[in-house]
Amino acid sequence: QVQLVESGGDSVQPGQSLRLSCVAAGMRSTDAMAWYRQGSGKEREFIAAIGAGGVTTYAGSVKGRFTISRVNEKNTIFLQMDTLRPEDTAVYYCNHGPSLLDVIQVNVNSWGQGTRVTVFS
C-alpha cells in the first residue's frame, strides 16, 4: 500500500514555473510513476509518466514544457513545470503502477489529496 503526498502547488502568473513533488511511501523501484491533473469540472487526465528505467512520456498538452523525474532513494517524483499557462490550472496528482502502460492508462489504485496549481489569466 502506497501513501501519496503531493506538494508544491501555488498560484502563479503565466510564463512562470513551479516544481511539484510527490512522496510515494511504499513505492517500488520497479514501479512506473506518473502525474495527472484535474481541472474544475473536468475529468482527471494523464500528463506525464516515468518508468523504472527513466523512460518518460508526456501528454501533448505539456510536452516541451513539463519534465518528470524521480529519486527512488527518497520515494519521490517531481514535475518541473515551465512556461505555465492558464489552462494548466488544476489539482495535480501523482500515482504509480507496474508499468508505463498501466499509469498512462490510469490503471492505478487510490489517490492522494493532490496539490493545486493556479495560473492566472
C-alpha atoms as a PDB file:
ATOM      1  CA  GLN A   1       0.000   0.000   0.000  1.00  0.00           C
ATOM      2  CA  VAL A   2       1.437   3.329  -1.112  1.00  0.00           C
ATOM      3  CA  GLN A   3       0.700   6.621   0.586  1.00  0.00           C
ATOM      4  CA  LEU A   4       0.810   9.533  -1.842  1.00  0.00           C
ATOM      5  CA  VAL A   5       1.556  13.086  -0.751  1.00  0.00           C
ATOM      6  CA  GLU A   6       1.745  15.802  -3.378  1.00  0.00           C
ATOM      7  CA  SER A   7       3.109  19.264  -2.692  1.00  0.00           C
ATOM      8  CA  GLY A   8       4.466  22.370  -4.368  1.00  0.00           C
ATOM      9  CA  GLY A   9       1.331  23.800  -5.901  1.00  0.00           C
ATOM     10  CA  ASP A  10       0.895  27.546  -5.903  1.00  0.00           C
ATOM     11  CA  SER A  11      -0.693  30.455  -7.728  1.00  0.00           C
ATOM     12  CA  VAL A  12       1.486  31.991 -10.406  1.00  0.00           C
ATOM     13  CA  GLN A  13       1.418  34.300 -13.377  1.00  0.00           C
ATOM     14  CA  PRO A  14       1.504  32.923 -16.916  1.00  0.00           C
ATOM     15  CA  GLY A  15       5.003  32.051 -18.031  1.00  0.00           C
ATOM     16  CA  GLN A  16       6.243  31.278 -14.548  1.00  0.00           C
ATOM     17  CA  SER A  17       7.482  27.927 -13.292  1.00  0.00           C
ATOM     18  CA  LEU A  18       6.645  25.547 -10.483  1.00  0.00           C
ATOM     19  CA  ARG A  19       8.176  22.332  -9.247  1.00  0.00           C
ATOM     20  CA  LEU A  20       5.812  19.771  -7.782  1.00  0.00           C
ATOM     21  CA  SER A  21       6.870  16.931  -5.530  1.00  0.00           C
ATOM     22  CA  CYS A  22       5.246  13.620  -4.740  1.00  0.00           C
ATOM     23  CA  VAL A  23       6.377  11.401  -1.921  1.00  0.00           C
ATOM     24  CA  ALA A  24       5.114   7.889  -2.516  1.00  0.00           C
ATOM     25  CA  ALA A  25       5.866   5.960   0.625  1.00  0.00           C
ATOM     26  CA  GLY A  26       6.000   2.263  -0.104  1.00  0.00           C
ATOM     27  CA  MET A  27       6.562   2.582  -3.835  1.00  0.00           C
ATOM     28  CA  ARG A  28       8.770   0.042  -5.541  1.00  0.00           C
ATOM     29  CA  SER A  29      11.792   0.972  -7.571  1.00  0.00           C
ATOM     30  CA  THR A  30      10.284  -1.120 -10.350  1.00  0.00           C
ATOM     31  CA  ASP A  31       7.096   0.949 -10.437  1.00  0.00           C
ATOM     32  CA  ALA A  32       6.290   3.418 -13.119  1.00  0.00           C
ATOM     33  CA  MET A  33       5.201   6.770 -11.730  1.00  0.00           C
ATOM     34  CA  ALA A  34       3.008   9.419 -13.226  1.00  0.00           C
ATOM     35  CA  TRP A  35       1.430  12.809 -12.785  1.00  0.00           C
ATOM     36  CA  TYR A  36      -2.185  13.619 -13.536  1.00  0.00           C
ATOM     37  CA  ARG A  37      -4.325  16.699 -13.248  1.00  0.00           C
ATOM     38  CA  GLN A  38      -7.953  17.544 -12.907  1.00  0.00           C
ATOM     39  CA  GLY A  39      -9.288  20.952 -13.777  1.00  0.00           C
ATOM     40  CA  SER A  40     -12.507  22.281 -12.354  1.00  0.00           C
ATOM     41  CA  GLY A  41     -15.416  20.469 -13.931  1.00  0.00           C
ATOM     42  CA  LYS A  42     -13.116  18.258 -15.973  1.00  0.00           C
ATOM     43  CA  GLU A  43     -12.015  14.647 -15.943  1.00  0.00           C
ATOM     44  CA  ARG A  44      -8.703  13.678 -14.463  1.00  0.00           C
ATOM     45  CA  GLU A  45      -6.115  13.457 -17.225  1.00  0.00           C
ATOM     46  CA  PHE A  46      -2.717  11.882 -17.580  1.00  0.00           C
ATOM     47  CA  ILE A  47       0.079  14.370 -18.168  1.00  0.00           C
ATOM     48  CA  ALA A  48       3.463  12.705 -17.584  1.00  0.00           C
ATOM     49  CA  ALA A  49       4.991   9.352 -16.677  1.00  0.00           C
ATOM     50  CA  ILE A  50       8.396   7.920 -15.908  1.00  0.00           C
ATOM     51  CA  GLY A  51       9.316   4.262 -15.982  1.00  0.00           C
ATOM     52  CA  ALA A  52      11.615   2.359 -13.676  1.00  0.00           C
ATOM     53  CA  GLY A  53      14.455   2.802 -16.139  1.00  0.00           C
ATOM     54  CA  GLY A  54      13.894   6.513 -16.588  1.00  0.00           C
ATOM     55  CA  VAL A  55      11.947   6.475 -19.844  1.00  0.00           C
ATOM     56  CA  THR A  56       9.458   9.327 -19.903  1.00  0.00           C
ATOM     57  CA  THR A  57       6.332  10.141 -21.820  1.00  0.00           C
ATOM     58  CA  TYR A  58       4.130  13.210 -21.842  1.00  0.00           C
ATOM     59  CA  ALA A  59       0.733  14.317 -22.922  1.00  0.00           C
ATOM     60  CA  GLY A  60       0.848  16.594 -25.918  1.00  0.00           C
ATOM     61  CA  SER A  61      -0.520  19.498 -23.916  1.00  0.00           C
ATOM     62  CA  VAL A  62       2.575  19.624 -21.704  1.00  0.00           C
ATOM     63  CA  LYS A  63       5.304  18.161 -23.896  1.00  0.00           C
ATOM     64  CA  GLY A  64       8.263  20.502 -24.077  1.00  0.00           C
ATOM     65  CA  ARG A  65       7.146  22.461 -21.021  1.00  0.00           C
ATOM     66  CA  PHE A  66       6.962  19.876 -18.219  1.00  0.00           C
ATOM     67  CA  THR A  67       9.645  17.456 -17.062  1.00  0.00           C
ATOM     68  CA  ILE A  68       9.062  14.448 -14.828  1.00  0.00           C
ATOM     69  CA  SER A  69      11.862  12.917 -12.776  1.00  0.00           C
ATOM     70  CA  ARG A  70      12.277  10.501  -9.895  1.00  0.00           C
ATOM     71  CA  VAL A  71      14.570   9.823  -6.972  1.00  0.00           C
ATOM     72  CA  ASN A  72      13.929   6.265  -5.931  1.00  0.00           C
ATOM     73  CA  GLU A  73      16.010   6.505  -2.770  1.00  0.00           C
ATOM     74  CA  LYS A  74      13.602   9.132  -1.478  1.00  0.00           C
ATOM     75  CA  ASN A  75      10.451   7.542  -2.893  1.00  0.00           C
ATOM     76  CA  THR A  76       9.878  10.820  -4.668  1.00  0.00           C
ATOM     77  CA  ILE A  77       8.930  12.053  -8.092  1.00  0.00           C
ATOM     78  CA  PHE A  78       8.963  15.609  -9.346  1.00  0.00           C
ATOM     79  CA  LEU A  79       7.230  17.600 -12.008  1.00  0.00           C
ATOM     80  CA  GLN A  80       9.065  20.650 -13.261  1.00  0.00           C
ATOM     81  CA  MET A  81       6.528  22.885 -14.938  1.00  0.00           C
ATOM     82  CA  ASP A  82       7.787  25.722 -17.099  1.00  0.00           C
ATOM     83  CA  THR A  83       6.009  28.285 -19.228  1.00  0.00           C
ATOM     84  CA  LEU A  84       2.813  27.763 -17.313  1.00  0.00           C
ATOM     85  CA  ARG A  85      -0.439  28.711 -18.975  1.00  0.00           C
ATOM     86  CA  PRO A  86      -3.895  29.422 -17.567  1.00  0.00           C
ATOM     87  CA  GLU A  87      -5.105  26.114 -18.972  1.00  0.00           C
ATOM     88  CA  ASP A  88      -2.618  24.356 -16.675  1.00  0.00           C
ATOM     89  CA  THR A  89      -4.771  25.366 -13.724  1.00  0.00           C
ATOM     90  CA  ALA A  90      -5.788  22.157 -11.968  1.00  0.00           C
ATOM     91  CA  VAL A  91      -5.260  19.935  -8.996  1.00  0.00           C
ATOM     92  CA  TYR A  92      -2.239  17.770  -9.698  1.00  0.00           C
ATOM     93  CA  TYR A  93      -1.984  14.173  -8.524  1.00  0.00           C
ATOM     94  CA  CYS A  94       0.674  11.504  -8.643  1.00  0.00           C
ATOM     95  CA  ASN A  95       0.324   7.758  -8.739  1.00  0.00           C
ATOM     96  CA  HIS A  96       2.146   4.542  -9.541  1.00  0.00           C
ATOM     97  CA  GLY A  97       1.725   1.265 -11.339  1.00  0.00           C
ATOM     98  CA  PRO A  98       3.698  -1.745 -12.507  1.00  0.00           C
ATOM     99  CA  SER A  99       4.361  -0.368 -15.993  1.00  0.00           C
ATOM    100  CA  LEU A 100       4.287   2.771 -18.080  1.00  0.00           C
ATOM    101  CA  LEU A 101       1.259   1.451 -19.902  1.00  0.00           C
ATOM    102  CA  ASP A 102      -0.593   0.992 -16.626  1.00  0.00           C
ATOM    103  CA  VAL A 103      -0.045   4.533 -15.438  1.00  0.00           C
ATOM    104  CA  ILE A 104      -0.659   6.072 -18.845  1.00  0.00           C
ATOM    105  CA  GLN A 105      -3.972   4.250 -18.980  1.00  0.00           C
ATOM    106  CA  VAL A 106      -4.693   5.293 -15.385  1.00  0.00           C
ATOM    107  CA  ASN A 107      -4.778   1.699 -14.160  1.00  0.00           C
ATOM    108  CA  VAL A 108      -3.874   2.784 -10.666  1.00  0.00           C
ATOM    109  CA  ASN A 109      -5.065   2.420  -7.103  1.00  0.00           C
ATOM    110  CA  SER A 110      -6.302   5.094  -4.716  1.00  0.00           C
ATOM    111  CA  TRP A 111      -5.432   8.778  -4.983  1.00  0.00           C
ATOM    112  CA  GLY A 112      -3.798  11.286  -2.694  1.00  0.00           C
ATOM    113  CA  GLN A 113      -5.113  14.751  -1.940  1.00  0.00           C
ATOM    114  CA  GLY A 114      -3.293  16.411  -4.815  1.00  0.00           C
ATOM    115  CA  THR A 115      -1.767  19.863  -4.930  1.00  0.00           C
ATOM    116  CA  ARG A 116      -3.436  22.841  -6.535  1.00  0.00           C
ATOM    117  CA  VAL A 117      -1.822  24.868  -9.286  1.00  0.00           C
ATOM    118  CA  THR A 118      -3.439  28.105 -10.357  1.00  0.00           C
ATOM    119  CA  VAL A 119      -2.144  30.057 -13.316  1.00  0.00           C
ATOM    120  CA  PHE A 120      -3.781  33.458 -13.536  1.00  0.00           C
ATOM    121  CA  SER A 121      -5.405  34.564 -16.728  1.00  0.00           C
END
